[in-house]
Amino acid sequence: MFLGAGSVMHGMNDDVNMRHYGGLSKVMKITYYTFLMGYLAIIGTPFFSGFYSKDSIIEAAWEKQPVLGALALIAAGITAFYMTRLMFMTFWSRKRWQAGVHPHESPAVMWVPLVLLAIPSVIAGMVMNAWIAGWLAPAVNGEVPANASWLPSITPVSLVTLVVIIAGVGIAYLIFGRTAIPESVPWTRNVFTIIGRHDLYGDAFNEAVFMKPGEALTRGVVALDTGVVDGAVRGSSALTLGLGGGLRKLQNGYVRSYGLTMIVGVVVLGLAFVIGRLV
């Protein structure tokens, strides 16, 4: 499905906003049908690979703890809902393409891997469910699970799971399949929708807790380095240049300057001697 998403992005000139999609099932047929197989697998449609793993996980959760089983069921329903929403917004609804965008099927280098992965998504589940249980039997004391068959096992949990999945698909159809999908994000007061649009405020939390304090710390370190460390180096170099420039003026090559310096030195020494004697 990640490859399918990349194919859609390529066909839409790298536009990643699903509100600008719609109607792509008619212009990207290979991508659509392979993505459809992945969709049916991930929501847990019988005979697809996701069905066997999803049912087994939910049944194991129920046996371990009913609360875990309930959460797993809710997750299955949410998966069916948002994946159906994705299909409607991308492939099944009316086209909402932006100006200058001309959707097209991806080149073979992209859709061939899609086909090679989509076909196993249909048959791998039933093959693996019937084979891998026997293959793993030595690791579980030779016991082969009762549902080790390519046929879907019908249990109360599997029936409830199927009902939940159908409910998730149905709710998504009522919301996105029977009404026109707007091209821009509609305004809402629903606090859960707002939180979801802000990605559960994960980015805001990271920005407030990690990014901004990190930026402040970095600015402080840079200021310390520039003002203290570099300042000390620049100050010592300036002092050395200043002293060197001052001493250089004394070495001007004129004899009269040297004589005057000697006279001044003798006078200073004499004054120091006289003052010393007086004290």
C-alpha atoms as a PDB file:
ATOM      1  CA  MET A   1       0.000   0.000   0.000  1.00  0.00           C
ATOM      2  CA  PHE A   2       2.972   2.305   0.506  1.00  0.00           C
ATOM      3  CA  LEU A   3       4.016   1.591  -3.072  1.00  0.00           C
ATOM      4  CA  GLY A   4       0.453   2.336  -4.164  1.00  0.00           C
ATOM      5  CA  ALA A   5       0.490   5.635  -2.286  1.00  0.00           C
ATOM      6  CA  GLY A   6       3.740   6.527  -4.027  1.00  0.00           C
ATOM      7  CA  SER A   7       2.192   5.675  -7.389  1.00  0.00           C
ATOM      8  CA  VAL A   8      -0.770   7.948  -6.652  1.00  0.00           C
ATOM      9  CA  MET A   9       1.536  10.777  -5.590  1.00  0.00           C
ATOM     10  CA  HIS A  10       3.507  10.349  -8.819  1.00  0.00           C
ATOM     11  CA  GLY A  11       0.353  10.416 -10.920  1.00  0.00           C
ATOM     12  CA  MET A  12      -0.857  13.560  -9.098  1.00  0.00           C
ATOM     13  CA  ASN A  13       2.377  15.500  -9.624  1.00  0.00           C
ATOM     14  CA  ASP A  14       3.436  14.996  -5.976  1.00  0.00           C
ATOM     15  CA  ASP A  15       0.235  16.512  -4.574  1.00  0.00           C
ATOM     16  CA  VAL A  16      -0.307  14.665  -1.269  1.00  0.00           C
ATOM     17  CA  ASN A  17      -3.665  16.229  -0.342  1.00  0.00           C
ATOM     18  CA  MET A  18      -6.397  13.603  -0.771  1.00  0.00           C
ATOM     19  CA  ARG A  19      -8.979  16.372  -1.026  1.00  0.00           C
ATOM     20  CA  HIS A  20      -7.462  17.100  -4.444  1.00  0.00           C
ATOM     21  CA  TYR A  21      -7.890  13.499  -5.639  1.00  0.00           C
ATOM     22  CA  GLY A  22     -11.077  11.611  -6.501  1.00  0.00           C
ATOM     23  CA  GLY A  23     -12.000   9.638  -9.601  1.00  0.00           C
ATOM     24  CA  LEU A  24      -8.532   8.101  -9.948  1.00  0.00           C
ATOM     25  CA  SER A  25      -9.961   4.600 -10.460  1.00  0.00           C
ATOM     26  CA  LYS A  26     -10.663   5.560 -14.075  1.00  0.00           C
ATOM     27  CA  VAL A  27      -7.236   6.968 -14.967  1.00  0.00           C
ATOM     28  CA  MET A  28      -4.944   4.826 -12.783  1.00  0.00           C
ATOM     29  CA  LYS A  29      -6.501   1.391 -13.224  1.00  0.00           C
ATOM     30  CA  ILE A  30      -3.463  -0.750 -12.322  1.00  0.00           C
ATOM     31  CA  THR A  31      -2.734   1.314  -9.226  1.00  0.00           C
ATOM     32  CA  TYR A  32      -6.411   1.244  -8.300  1.00  0.00           C
ATOM     33  CA  TYR A  33      -6.898  -2.528  -8.535  1.00  0.00           C
ATOM     34  CA  THR A  34      -3.666  -3.326  -6.706  1.00  0.00           C
ATOM     35  CA  PHE A  35      -4.526  -0.779  -4.030  1.00  0.00           C
ATOM     36  CA  LEU A  36      -8.004  -2.276  -3.808  1.00  0.00           C
ATOM     37  CA  MET A  37      -6.487  -5.679  -3.057  1.00  0.00           C
ATOM     38  CA  GLY A  38      -4.399  -4.147  -0.295  1.00  0.00           C
ATOM     39  CA  TYR A  39      -7.475  -2.372   1.052  1.00  0.00           C
ATOM     40  CA  LEU A  40      -9.506  -5.589   1.181  1.00  0.00           C
ATOM     41  CA  ALA A  41      -6.599  -7.335   2.903  1.00  0.00           C
ATOM     42  CA  ILE A  42      -5.950  -4.703   5.548  1.00  0.00           C
ATOM     43  CA  ILE A  43      -9.586  -4.372   6.635  1.00  0.00           C
ATOM     44  CA  GLY A  44      -9.797  -8.150   7.099  1.00  0.00           C
ATOM     45  CA  THR A  45     -11.940  -9.323   4.182  1.00  0.00           C
ATOM     46  CA  PRO A  46     -12.405 -13.136   4.218  1.00  0.00           C
ATOM     47  CA  PHE A  47      -9.869 -15.098   2.147  1.00  0.00           C
ATOM     48  CA  PHE A  48      -7.475 -12.118   2.061  1.00  0.00           C
ATOM     49  CA  SER A  49      -4.257 -12.235   4.085  1.00  0.00           C
ATOM     50  CA  GLY A  50      -5.355  -9.681   6.661  1.00  0.00           C
ATOM     51  CA  PHE A  51      -8.420 -11.742   7.556  1.00  0.00           C
ATOM     52  CA  TYR A  52      -6.435 -14.649   8.955  1.00  0.00           C
ATOM     53  CA  SER A  53      -4.039 -12.549  11.009  1.00  0.00           C
ATOM     54  CA  LYS A  54      -6.664 -10.083  12.249  1.00  0.00           C
ATOM     55  CA  ASP A  55      -9.048 -12.753  13.483  1.00  0.00           C
ATOM     56  CA  SER A  56      -6.269 -14.669  15.206  1.00  0.00           C
ATOM     57  CA  ILE A  57      -5.025 -11.548  16.967  1.00  0.00           C
ATOM     58  CA  ILE A  58      -8.498 -10.555  18.154  1.00  0.00           C
ATOM     59  CA  GLU A  59      -9.274 -14.076  19.369  1.00  0.00           C
ATOM     60  CA  ALA A  60      -5.979 -14.227  21.255  1.00  0.00           C
ATOM     61  CA  ALA A  61      -6.741 -10.828  22.815  1.00  0.00           C
ATOM     62  CA  TRP A  62     -10.195 -12.023  23.948  1.00  0.00           C
ATOM     63  CA  GLU A  63      -8.717 -15.124  25.528  1.00  0.00           C
ATOM     64  CA  LYS A  64      -6.079 -13.069  27.324  1.00  0.00           C
ATOM     65  CA  GLN A  65      -8.294 -10.237  28.520  1.00  0.00           C
ATOM     66  CA  PRO A  66     -11.774  -9.130  27.317  1.00  0.00           C
ATOM     67  CA  VAL A  67     -10.710  -5.485  27.549  1.00  0.00           C
ATOM     68  CA  LEU A  68      -7.870  -6.153  25.125  1.00  0.00           C
ATOM     69  CA  GLY A  69     -10.278  -7.985  22.846  1.00  0.00           C
ATOM     70  CA  ALA A  70     -12.678  -5.037  22.876  1.00  0.00           C
ATOM     71  CA  LEU A  71      -9.860  -2.628  22.050  1.00  0.00           C
ATOM     72  CA  ALA A  72      -8.750  -4.883  19.200  1.00  0.00           C
ATOM     73  CA  LEU A  73     -12.310  -4.915  17.838  1.00  0.00           C
ATOM     74  CA  ILE A  74     -12.494  -1.129  18.023  1.00  0.00           C
ATOM     75  CA  ALA A  75      -9.178  -0.924  16.185  1.00  0.00           C
ATOM     76  CA  ALA A  76     -10.552  -3.224  13.469  1.00  0.00           C
ATOM     77  CA  GLY A  77     -13.597  -0.988  13.038  1.00  0.00           C
ATOM     78  CA  ILE A  78     -11.477   2.169  12.914  1.00  0.00           C
ATOM     79  CA  THR A  79      -9.206   0.566  10.324  1.00  0.00           C
ATOM     80  CA  ALA A  80     -12.174  -0.340   8.147  1.00  0.00           C
ATOM     81  CA  PHE A  81     -13.517   3.222   8.500  1.00  0.00           C
ATOM     82  CA  TYR A  82     -10.411   5.208   7.652  1.00  0.00           C
ATOM     83  CA  MET A  83      -9.326   2.848   4.866  1.00  0.00           C
ATOM     84  CA  THR A  84     -12.762   3.133   3.249  1.00  0.00           C
ATOM     85  CA  ARG A  85     -12.520   6.904   3.656  1.00  0.00           C
ATOM     86  CA  LEU A  86      -9.174   6.752   1.842  1.00  0.00           C
ATOM     87  CA  MET A  87     -10.698   4.759  -1.024  1.00  0.00           C
ATOM     88  CA  PHE A  88     -13.612   7.166  -1.435  1.00  0.00           C
ATOM     89  CA  MET A  89     -11.459  10.287  -1.269  1.00  0.00           C
ATOM     90  CA  THR A  90      -8.837   8.900  -3.652  1.00  0.00           C
ATOM     91  CA  PHE A  91     -10.518   6.571  -6.133  1.00  0.00           C
ATOM     92  CA  TRP A  92     -14.307   6.448  -5.887  1.00  0.00           C
ATOM     93  CA  SER A  93     -15.602  10.001  -5.427  1.00  0.00           C
ATOM     94  CA  ARG A  94     -15.869  12.727  -8.026  1.00  0.00           C
ATOM     95  CA  LYS A  95     -12.624  14.170  -9.300  1.00  0.00           C
ATOM     96  CA  ARG A  96     -11.300  17.237  -7.492  1.00  0.00           C
ATOM     97  CA  TRP A  97      -8.078  17.695  -9.413  1.00  0.00           C
ATOM     98  CA  GLN A  98      -6.373  21.055  -9.197  1.00  0.00           C
ATOM     99  CA  ALA A  99      -5.558  23.167 -12.218  1.00  0.00           C
ATOM    100  CA  GLY A 100      -2.547  21.931 -14.144  1.00  0.00           C
ATOM    101  CA  VAL A 101      -2.697  18.412 -12.671  1.00  0.00           C
ATOM    102  CA  HIS A 102      -3.222  15.596 -15.172  1.00  0.00           C
ATOM    103  CA  PRO A 103      -3.403  12.220 -13.374  1.00  0.00           C
ATOM    104  CA  HIS A 104      -1.833   9.319 -15.220  1.00  0.00           C
ATOM    105  CA  GLU A 105      -0.766   5.763 -14.581  1.00  0.00           C
ATOM    106  CA  SER A 106       2.741   5.304 -13.231  1.00  0.00           C
ATOM    107  CA  PRO A 107       5.456   3.745 -15.423  1.00  0.00           C
ATOM    108  CA  ALA A 108       6.081   0.000 -15.374  1.00  0.00           C
ATOM    109  CA  VAL A 109       8.994   0.367 -12.985  1.00  0.00           C
ATOM    110  CA  MET A 110       6.425   1.403 -10.374  1.00  0.00           C
ATOM    111  CA  TRP A 111       3.334  -0.674 -11.189  1.00  0.00           C
ATOM    112  CA  VAL A 112       5.086  -4.026 -11.806  1.00  0.00           C
ATOM    113  CA  PRO A 113       6.162  -4.295  -8.124  1.00  0.00           C
ATOM    114  CA  LEU A 114       2.602  -3.346  -7.180  1.00  0.00           C
ATOM    115  CA  VAL A 115       1.193  -6.282  -9.141  1.00  0.00           C
ATOM    116  CA  LEU A 116       3.813  -8.680  -7.798  1.00  0.00           C
ATOM    117  CA  LEU A 117       2.883  -7.734  -4.233  1.00  0.00           C
ATOM    118  CA  ALA A 118      -0.883  -7.419  -4.711  1.00  0.00           C
ATOM    119  CA  ILE A 119      -1.456 -10.956  -5.986  1.00  0.00           C
ATOM    120  CA  PRO A 120       0.213 -12.592  -2.944  1.00  0.00           C
ATOM    121  CA  SER A 121      -1.955 -10.397  -0.712  1.00  0.00           C
ATOM    122  CA  VAL A 122      -4.934 -12.386  -2.009  1.00  0.00           C
ATOM    123  CA  ILE A 123      -3.544 -15.912  -1.716  1.00  0.00           C
ATOM    124  CA  ALA A 124      -0.767 -15.662   0.876  1.00  0.00           C
ATOM    125  CA  GLY A 125      -3.149 -15.634   3.812  1.00  0.00           C
ATOM    126  CA  MET A 126      -4.909 -18.896   3.017  1.00  0.00           C
ATOM    127  CA  VAL A 127      -1.658 -20.615   1.967  1.00  0.00           C
ATOM    128  CA  MET A 128       0.303 -19.492   4.994  1.00  0.00           C
ATOM    129  CA  ASN A 129      -2.528 -20.202   7.425  1.00  0.00           C
ATOM    130  CA  ALA A 130      -2.738 -23.806   6.242  1.00  0.00           C
ATOM    131  CA  TRP A 131       1.026 -24.392   5.964  1.00  0.00           C
ATOM    132  CA  ILE A 132       2.769 -22.358   8.618  1.00  0.00           C
ATOM    133  CA  ALA A 133       0.842 -23.953  11.497  1.00  0.00           C
ATOM    134  CA  GLY A 134       2.217 -27.386  10.610  1.00  0.00           C
ATOM    135  CA  TRP A 135       5.664 -25.945   9.989  1.00  0.00           C
ATOM    136  CA  LEU A 136       5.677 -24.385  13.443  1.00  0.00           C
ATOM    137  CA  ALA A 137       4.192 -27.466  15.140  1.00  0.00           C
ATOM    138  CA  PRO A 138       7.563 -28.660  16.526  1.00  0.00           C
ATOM    139  CA  ALA A 139       7.980 -25.313  18.275  1.00  0.00           C
ATOM    140  CA  VAL A 140       4.638 -25.717  20.076  1.00  0.00           C
ATOM    141  CA  ASN A 141       5.067 -29.324  21.222  1.00  0.00           C
ATOM    142  CA  GLY A 142       3.636 -30.760  18.014  1.00  0.00           C
ATOM    143  CA  GLU A 143       0.201 -29.182  18.463  1.00  0.00           C
ATOM    144  CA  VAL A 144      -1.444 -27.894  15.306  1.00  0.00           C
ATOM    145  CA  PRO A 145      -4.132 -25.216  15.868  1.00  0.00           C
ATOM    146  CA  ALA A 146      -7.653 -26.214  14.956  1.00  0.00           C
ATOM    147  CA  ASN A 147      -8.015 -23.306  12.522  1.00  0.00           C
ATOM    148  CA  ALA A 148      -4.925 -24.301  10.534  1.00  0.00           C
ATOM    149  CA  SER A 149      -6.799 -24.356   7.240  1.00  0.00           C
ATOM    150  CA  TRP A 150      -7.171 -22.168   4.175  1.00  0.00           C
ATOM    151  CA  LEU A 151     -10.891 -21.966   4.924  1.00  0.00           C
ATOM    152  CA  PRO A 152     -11.933 -19.069   7.188  1.00  0.00           C
ATOM    153  CA  SER A 153     -12.784 -20.308  10.658  1.00  0.00           C
ATOM    154  CA  ILE A 154     -16.289 -19.346  11.781  1.00  0.00           C
ATOM    155  CA  THR A 155     -16.313 -18.465  15.470  1.00  0.00           C
ATOM    156  CA  PRO A 156     -18.339 -15.991  17.539  1.00  0.00           C
ATOM    157  CA  VAL A 157     -15.324 -13.675  17.619  1.00  0.00           C
ATOM    158  CA  SER A 158     -14.849 -13.843  13.838  1.00  0.00           C
ATOM    159  CA  LEU A 159     -18.530 -13.099  13.272  1.00  0.00           C
ATOM    160  CA  VAL A 160     -18.446 -10.117  15.641  1.00  0.00           C
ATOM    161  CA  THR A 161     -15.265  -8.898  13.954  1.00  0.00           C
ATOM    162  CA  LEU A 162     -16.914  -9.123  10.549  1.00  0.00           C
ATOM    163  CA  VAL A 163     -19.921  -7.139  11.821  1.00  0.00           C
ATOM    164  CA  VAL A 164     -17.617  -4.443  13.246  1.00  0.00           C
ATOM    165  CA  ILE A 165     -15.712  -4.225   9.965  1.00  0.00           C
ATOM    166  CA  ILE A 166     -18.943  -3.923   7.972  1.00  0.00           C
ATOM    167  CA  ALA A 167     -20.093  -1.212  10.384  1.00  0.00           C
ATOM    168  CA  GLY A 168     -16.859   0.727   9.860  1.00  0.00           C
ATOM    169  CA  VAL A 169     -17.205   0.471   6.096  1.00  0.00           C
ATOM    170  CA  GLY A 170     -20.885   1.482   6.287  1.00  0.00           C
ATOM    171  CA  ILE A 171     -20.222   4.557   8.409  1.00  0.00           C
ATOM    172  CA  ALA A 172     -17.500   5.667   6.001  1.00  0.00           C
ATOM    173  CA  TYR A 173     -19.900   5.164   3.088  1.00  0.00           C
ATOM    174  CA  LEU A 174     -22.598   7.282   4.748  1.00  0.00           C
ATOM    175  CA  ILE A 175     -20.132  10.100   5.419  1.00  0.00           C
ATOM    176  CA  PHE A 176     -17.995  10.069   2.277  1.00  0.00           C
ATOM    177  CA  GLY A 177     -19.886   7.996  -0.269  1.00  0.00           C
ATOM    178  CA  ARG A 178     -23.249   9.762  -0.236  1.00  0.00           C
ATOM    179  CA  THR A 179     -22.086  13.363   0.074  1.00  0.00           C
ATOM    180  CA  ALA A 180     -19.720  15.507  -1.949  1.00  0.00           C
ATOM    181  CA  ILE A 181     -16.239  15.670  -0.479  1.00  0.00           C
ATOM    182  CA  PRO A 182     -15.121  19.312  -0.137  1.00  0.00           C
ATOM    183  CA  GLU A 183     -11.851  20.364  -1.716  1.00  0.00           C
ATOM    184  CA  SER A 184     -10.774  22.204   1.429  1.00  0.00           C
ATOM    185  CA  VAL A 185     -10.938  21.230   5.085  1.00  0.00           C
ATOM    186  CA  PRO A 186     -14.399  22.164   6.406  1.00  0.00           C
ATOM    187  CA  TRP A 187     -14.657  24.263   9.552  1.00  0.00           C
ATOM    188  CA  THR A 188     -15.801  22.422  12.659  1.00  0.00           C
ATOM    189  CA  ARG A 189     -16.174  22.816  16.414  1.00  0.00           C
ATOM    190  CA  ASN A 190     -15.812  19.104  17.085  1.00  0.00           C
ATOM    191  CA  VAL A 191     -12.918  18.886  19.530  1.00  0.00           C
ATOM    192  CA  PHE A 192     -11.993  15.354  18.436  1.00  0.00           C
ATOM    193  CA  THR A 193     -11.874  16.382  14.786  1.00  0.00           C
ATOM    194  CA  ILE A 194      -9.725  19.385  15.643  1.00  0.00           C
ATOM    195  CA  ILE A 195      -7.343  17.210  17.672  1.00  0.00           C
ATOM    196  CA  GLY A 196      -7.156  14.707  14.822  1.00  0.00           C
ATOM    197  CA  ARG A 197      -6.414  17.424  12.262  1.00  0.00           C
ATOM    198  CA  HIS A 198      -3.547  18.565  14.452  1.00  0.00           C
ATOM    199  CA  ASP A 199      -2.137  15.009  14.610  1.00  0.00           C
ATOM    200  CA  LEU A 200      -3.074  14.681  18.297  1.00  0.00           C
ATOM    201  CA  TYR A 201      -0.905  17.781  18.856  1.00  0.00           C
ATOM    202  CA  GLY A 202       2.166  15.592  18.654  1.00  0.00           C
ATOM    203  CA  ASP A 203       4.036  18.154  16.546  1.00  0.00           C
ATOM    204  CA  ALA A 204       2.986  20.978  18.877  1.00  0.00           C
ATOM    205  CA  PHE A 205       4.168  18.996  21.900  1.00  0.00           C
ATOM    206  CA  ASN A 206       7.521  18.221  20.295  1.00  0.00           C
ATOM    207  CA  GLU A 207       7.918  21.861  19.285  1.00  0.00           C
ATOM    208  CA  ALA A 208       7.110  23.193  22.764  1.00  0.00           C
ATOM    209  CA  VAL A 209       9.009  20.587  24.793  1.00  0.00           C
ATOM    210  CA  PHE A 210      11.987  19.773  22.584  1.00  0.00           C
ATOM    211  CA  MET A 211      12.410  22.085  19.595  1.00  0.00           C
ATOM    212  CA  LYS A 212      12.025  25.543  21.168  1.00  0.00           C
ATOM    213  CA  PRO A 213      14.069  24.753  24.306  1.00  0.00           C
ATOM    214  CA  GLY A 214      16.676  23.168  22.041  1.00  0.00           C
ATOM    215  CA  GLU A 215      16.771  26.294  19.882  1.00  0.00           C
ATOM    216  CA  ALA A 216      17.131  28.481  22.989  1.00  0.00           C
ATOM    217  CA  LEU A 217      19.956  26.299  24.295  1.00  0.00           C
ATOM    218  CA  THR A 218      21.666  26.407  20.917  1.00  0.00           C
ATOM    219  CA  ARG A 219      21.374  30.201  20.751  1.00  0.00           C
ATOM    220  CA  GLY A 220      22.846  30.451  24.255  1.00  0.00           C
ATOM    221  CA  VAL A 221      25.776  28.194  23.355  1.00  0.00           C
ATOM    222  CA  VAL A 222      26.396  30.163  20.160  1.00  0.00           C
ATOM    223  CA  ALA A 223      26.287  33.460  22.078  1.00  0.00           C
ATOM    224  CA  LEU A 224      28.711  32.074  24.696  1.00  0.00           C
ATOM    225  CA  ASP A 225      31.050  30.833  22.023  1.00  0.00           C
ATOM    226  CA  THR A 226      30.884  34.087  20.060  1.00  0.00           C
ATOM    227  CA  GLY A 227      31.025  36.501  23.001  1.00  0.00           C
ATOM    228  CA  VAL A 228      33.320  34.720  25.465  1.00  0.00           C
ATOM    229  CA  VAL A 229      35.470  32.169  23.673  1.00  0.00           C
ATOM    230  CA  ASP A 230      35.852  34.013  20.374  1.00  0.00           C
ATOM    231  CA  GLY A 231      35.841  37.338  22.260  1.00  0.00           C
ATOM    232  CA  ALA A 232      38.771  36.249  24.404  1.00  0.00           C
ATOM    233  CA  VAL A 233      40.719  35.150  21.343  1.00  0.00           C
ATOM    234  CA  ARG A 234      39.943  38.360  19.475  1.00  0.00           C
ATOM    235  CA  GLY A 235      40.718  40.464  22.582  1.00  0.00           C
ATOM    236  CA  SER A 236      44.116  38.848  23.141  1.00  0.00           C
ATOM    237  CA  SER A 237      45.004  39.290  19.498  1.00  0.00           C
ATOM    238  CA  ALA A 238      43.912  42.939  19.597  1.00  0.00           C
ATOM    239  CA  LEU A 239      45.973  43.535  22.773  1.00  0.00           C
ATOM    240  CA  THR A 240      49.023  41.929  21.183  1.00  0.00           C
ATOM    241  CA  LEU A 241      48.609  44.010  18.025  1.00  0.00           C
ATOM    242  CA  GLY A 242      48.150  47.154  20.096  1.00  0.00           C
ATOM    243  CA  LEU A 243      51.259  46.553  22.196  1.00  0.00           C
ATOM    244  CA  GLY A 244      53.222  45.619  19.112  1.00  0.00           C
ATOM    245  CA  GLY A 245      52.070  48.766  17.337  1.00  0.00           C
ATOM    246  CA  GLY A 246      53.018  50.927  20.326  1.00  0.00           C
ATOM    247  CA  LEU A 247      56.474  49.382  20.724  1.00  0.00           C
ATOM    248  CA  ARG A 248      57.048  49.610  16.980  1.00  0.00           C
ATOM    249  CA  LYS A 249      56.766  53.400  17.204  1.00  0.00           C
ATOM    250  CA  LEU A 250      59.767  53.449  19.550  1.00  0.00           C
ATOM    251  CA  GLN A 251      61.902  51.711  16.950  1.00  0.00           C
ATOM    252  CA  ASN A 252      61.766  54.423  14.249  1.00  0.00           C
ATOM    253  CA  GLY A 253      65.461  54.344  13.208  1.00  0.00           C
ATOM    254  CA  TYR A 254      66.247  57.975  14.211  1.00  0.00           C
ATOM    255  CA  VAL A 255      69.282  58.592  16.485  1.00  0.00           C
ATOM    256  CA  ARG A 256      67.723  61.706  17.963  1.00  0.00           C
ATOM    257  CA  SER A 257      64.720  59.698  19.123  1.00  0.00           C
ATOM    258  CA  TYR A 258      66.950  57.161  20.785  1.00  0.00           C
ATOM    259  CA  GLY A 259      68.963  59.960  22.448  1.00  0.00           C
ATOM    260  CA  LEU A 260      65.799  61.629  23.700  1.00  0.00           C
ATOM    261  CA  THR A 261      64.624  58.314  25.090  1.00  0.00           C
ATOM    262  CA  MET A 262      67.899  57.860  26.937  1.00  0.00           C
ATOM    263  CA  ILE A 263      67.700  61.375  28.391  1.00  0.00           C
ATOM    264  CA  VAL A 264      64.124  60.803  29.541  1.00  0.00           C
ATOM    265  CA  GLY A 265      65.195  57.531  31.112  1.00  0.00           C
ATOM    266  CA  VAL A 266      68.083  59.155  32.968  1.00  0.00           C
ATOM    267  CA  VAL A 267      65.802  61.935  34.219  1.00  0.00           C
ATOM    268  CA  VAL A 268      63.215  59.414  35.420  1.00  0.00           C
ATOM    269  CA  LEU A 269      65.887  57.386  37.230  1.00  0.00           C
ATOM    270  CA  GLY A 270      67.320  60.520  38.784  1.00  0.00           C
ATOM    271  CA  LEU A 271      63.924  61.670  40.016  1.00  0.00           C
ATOM    272  CA  ALA A 272      63.249  58.232  41.446  1.00  0.00           C
ATOM    273  CA  PHE A 273      66.625  58.305  43.251  1.00  0.00           C
ATOM    274  CA  VAL A 274      66.061  61.796  44.677  1.00  0.00           C
ATOM    275  CA  ILE A 275      62.505  61.027  45.787  1.00  0.00           C
ATOM    276  CA  GLY A 276      63.737  57.816  47.344  1.00  0.00           C
ATOM    277  CA  ARG A 277      66.399  59.686  49.323  1.00  0.00           C
ATOM    278  CA  LEU A 278      63.902  62.285  50.529  1.00  0.00           C
ATOM    279  CA  VAL A 279      61.445  59.678  51.754  1.00  0.00           C
END
